[in-house]
C-alpha atoms as a PDB file:
ATOM      1  CA  MET A   1      -0.728  -3.454  18.228  1.00  0.00           C
ATOM      2  CA  PRO A   2       1.854  -1.261  16.524  1.00  0.00           C
ATOM      3  CA  GLN A   3       0.578   0.907  13.627  1.00  0.00           C
ATOM      4  CA  PHE A   4       2.617   1.742  10.549  1.00  0.00           C
ATOM      5  CA  LEU A   5       2.259   4.319   7.804  1.00  0.00           C
ATOM      6  CA  ILE A   6       3.023   2.926   4.416  1.00  0.00           C
ATOM      7  CA  THR A   7       3.919   5.570   1.660  1.00  0.00           C
ATOM      8  CA  ALA A   8       4.521   3.849  -1.782  1.00  0.00           C
ATOM      9  CA  LEU A   9       5.344   5.763  -4.810  1.00  0.00           C
ATOM     10  CA  ASP A  10       4.824   4.191  -8.285  1.00  0.00           C
ATOM     11  CA  TYR A  11       7.290   3.588 -10.985  1.00  0.00           C
ATOM     12  CA  THR A  12       7.277   6.541 -13.550  1.00  0.00           C
ATOM     13  CA  ASP A  13       7.883   4.654 -16.823  1.00  0.00           C
ATOM     14  CA  ALA A  14       5.392   4.805 -19.609  1.00  0.00           C
ATOM     15  CA  GLN A  15       3.738   1.452 -18.760  1.00  0.00           C
ATOM     16  CA  ALA A  16       3.374   2.293 -14.910  1.00  0.00           C
ATOM     17  CA  LEU A  17      -0.296   3.232 -14.911  1.00  0.00           C
ATOM     18  CA  ASP A  18      -1.154   0.296 -17.015  1.00  0.00           C
ATOM     19  CA  ARG A  19       0.583  -2.126 -14.680  1.00  0.00           C
ATOM     20  CA  ARG A  20      -1.201  -0.434 -11.728  1.00  0.00           C
ATOM     21  CA  MET A  21      -4.633  -0.840 -13.372  1.00  0.00           C
ATOM     22  CA  ALA A  22      -4.031  -4.329 -14.442  1.00  0.00           C
ATOM     23  CA  THR A  23      -2.826  -5.327 -10.969  1.00  0.00           C
ATOM     24  CA  ARG A  24      -5.396  -3.305  -9.010  1.00  0.00           C
ATOM     25  CA  PRO A  25      -8.040  -6.079  -8.494  1.00  0.00           C
ATOM     26  CA  ALA A  26      -5.566  -8.376  -6.865  1.00  0.00           C
ATOM     27  CA  HIS A  27      -4.133  -5.428  -4.847  1.00  0.00           C
ATOM     28  CA  LEU A  28      -7.856  -4.564  -3.602  1.00  0.00           C
ATOM     29  CA  GLU A  29      -8.562  -8.154  -2.871  1.00  0.00           C
ATOM     30  CA  MET A  30      -5.430  -8.295  -0.531  1.00  0.00           C
ATOM     31  CA  ALA A  31      -6.661  -5.084   1.069  1.00  0.00           C
ATOM     32  CA  LYS A  32     -10.047  -6.678   1.803  1.00  0.00           C
ATOM     33  CA  LYS A  33      -8.282  -9.615   3.420  1.00  0.00           C
ATOM     34  CA  LEU A  34      -6.243  -7.146   5.560  1.00  0.00           C
ATOM     35  CA  LYS A  35      -9.501  -5.396   6.494  1.00  0.00           C
ATOM     36  CA  GLU A  36     -11.158  -8.682   7.495  1.00  0.00           C
ATOM     37  CA  SER A  37      -8.201  -9.617   9.657  1.00  0.00           C
ATOM     38  CA  GLY A  38      -8.199  -6.261  11.337  1.00  0.00           C
ATOM     39  CA  ASN A  39      -4.832  -5.071   9.987  1.00  0.00           C
ATOM     40  CA  PHE A  40      -6.091  -2.455   7.521  1.00  0.00           C
ATOM     41  CA  LEU A  41      -7.049   0.883   9.117  1.00  0.00           C
ATOM     42  CA  LEU A  42      -6.980   3.238   6.118  1.00  0.00           C
ATOM     43  CA  GLY A  43      -5.646   3.453   2.662  1.00  0.00           C
ATOM     44  CA  GLY A  44      -5.945   5.051  -0.810  1.00  0.00           C
ATOM     45  CA  ALA A  45      -4.262   6.185  -3.921  1.00  0.00           C
ATOM     46  CA  MET A  46      -2.184   9.303  -4.182  1.00  0.00           C
ATOM     47  CA  LEU A  47      -3.013  11.437  -7.123  1.00  0.00           C
ATOM     48  CA  ASN A  48      -0.918  13.935  -9.321  1.00  0.00           C
ATOM     49  CA  GLU A  49      -2.216  17.232 -10.593  1.00  0.00           C
ATOM     50  CA  GLU A  50      -4.017  15.423 -13.503  1.00  0.00           C
ATOM     51  CA  GLU A  51      -5.703  13.167 -10.850  1.00  0.00           C
ATOM     52  CA  LYS A  52      -3.817  10.172 -12.171  1.00  0.00           C
ATOM     53  CA  MET A  53      -2.756   7.463  -9.544  1.00  0.00           C
ATOM     54  CA  ILE A  54       0.969   7.874  -8.691  1.00  0.00           C
ATOM     55  CA  GLY A  55       1.226   6.018  -5.449  1.00  0.00           C
ATOM     56  CA  SER A  56      -0.576   4.753  -2.304  1.00  0.00           C
ATOM     57  CA  THR A  57      -0.763   5.463   1.305  1.00  0.00           C
ATOM     58  CA  LEU A  58      -1.911   3.040   3.897  1.00  0.00           C
ATOM     59  CA  VAL A  59      -2.078   2.866   7.712  1.00  0.00           C
ATOM     60  CA  LEU A  60      -1.852  -0.743   8.853  1.00  0.00           C
ATOM     61  CA  GLU A  61      -1.710  -2.630  12.270  1.00  0.00           C
ATOM     62  CA  PHE A  62       0.706  -5.468  12.642  1.00  0.00           C
ATOM     63  CA  ASP A  63       2.474  -7.098  15.461  1.00  0.00           C
ATOM     64  CA  SER A  64       5.936  -6.272  14.132  1.00  0.00           C
ATOM     65  CA  ARG A  65       7.970  -4.736  11.352  1.00  0.00           C
ATOM     66  CA  GLU A  66       8.852  -8.229  10.224  1.00  0.00           C
ATOM     67  CA  GLN A  67       5.185  -8.866   9.501  1.00  0.00           C
ATOM     68  CA  ILE A  68       4.911  -5.754   7.377  1.00  0.00           C
ATOM     69  CA  ASP A  69       7.879  -7.077   5.432  1.00  0.00           C
ATOM     70  CA  GLN A  70       6.179 -10.443   5.021  1.00  0.00           C
ATOM     71  CA  TRP A  71       3.119  -8.586   3.737  1.00  0.00           C
ATOM     72  CA  LEU A  72       5.082  -6.497   1.325  1.00  0.00           C
ATOM     73  CA  ALA A  73       6.760  -9.670  -0.048  1.00  0.00           C
ATOM     74  CA  HIS A  74       3.330 -10.923  -1.327  1.00  0.00           C
ATOM     75  CA  GLU A  75       1.686  -7.581  -2.056  1.00  0.00           C
ATOM     76  CA  PRO A  76       0.628  -7.629  -5.809  1.00  0.00           C
ATOM     77  CA  TYR A  77       1.739  -4.053  -6.386  1.00  0.00           C
ATOM     78  CA  MET A  78       5.351  -5.081  -5.254  1.00  0.00           C
ATOM     79  CA  LEU A  79       5.347  -8.334  -7.209  1.00  0.00           C
ATOM     80  CA  GLN A  80       4.110  -6.545 -10.450  1.00  0.00           C
ATOM     81  CA  LYS A  81       6.481  -3.586 -10.066  1.00  0.00           C
ATOM     82  CA  VAL A  82       3.764  -1.038  -9.494  1.00  0.00           C
ATOM     83  CA  TRP A  83       5.415   0.514  -6.332  1.00  0.00           C
ATOM     84  CA  GLU A  84       9.020   1.595  -6.827  1.00  0.00           C
ATOM     85  CA  LYS A  85       9.772   3.311  -3.529  1.00  0.00           C
ATOM     86  CA  VAL A  86       8.126   2.147  -0.262  1.00  0.00           C
ATOM     87  CA  GLU A  87       8.667   3.793   3.026  1.00  0.00           C
ATOM     88  CA  VAL A  88       7.443   2.294   6.293  1.00  0.00           C
ATOM     89  CA  THR A  89       7.113   4.511   9.349  1.00  0.00           C
ATOM     90  CA  THR A  90       5.923   3.653  12.897  1.00  0.00           C
ATOM     91  CA  PHE A  91       2.712   5.576  13.297  1.00  0.00           C
ATOM     92  CA  LYS A  92      -0.089   6.272  15.816  1.00  0.00           C
ATOM     93  CA  VAL A  93      -3.554   7.200  14.761  1.00  0.00           C
ATOM     94  CA  ALA A  94      -4.804  10.038  16.919  1.00  0.00           C
ATOM     95  CA  ASN A  95      -7.654   8.842  19.198  1.00  0.00           C
ATOM     96  CA  ILE A  96      -9.785  11.984  19.519  1.00  0.00           C
END
């Protein structure tokens, strides 16, 4: 199954962190469902120098890029304008 690296940077307006924190439970619930289905390999928040969350990085497995796009269309951080810029790159986890 193809693997994908998702790098998502948050909006930078004054309310961005508040939106992230308010949406975080729904985002984590979706991540749990991805884990249960075998699509979630790794993920976490990116932090700035003050250790405040400014984005996310995930490694996911889906059958196609179209499935990634479908997931993004329902991802709470997208719907609630937490993530401003999202990059999806084909990826391969090293098997060492």
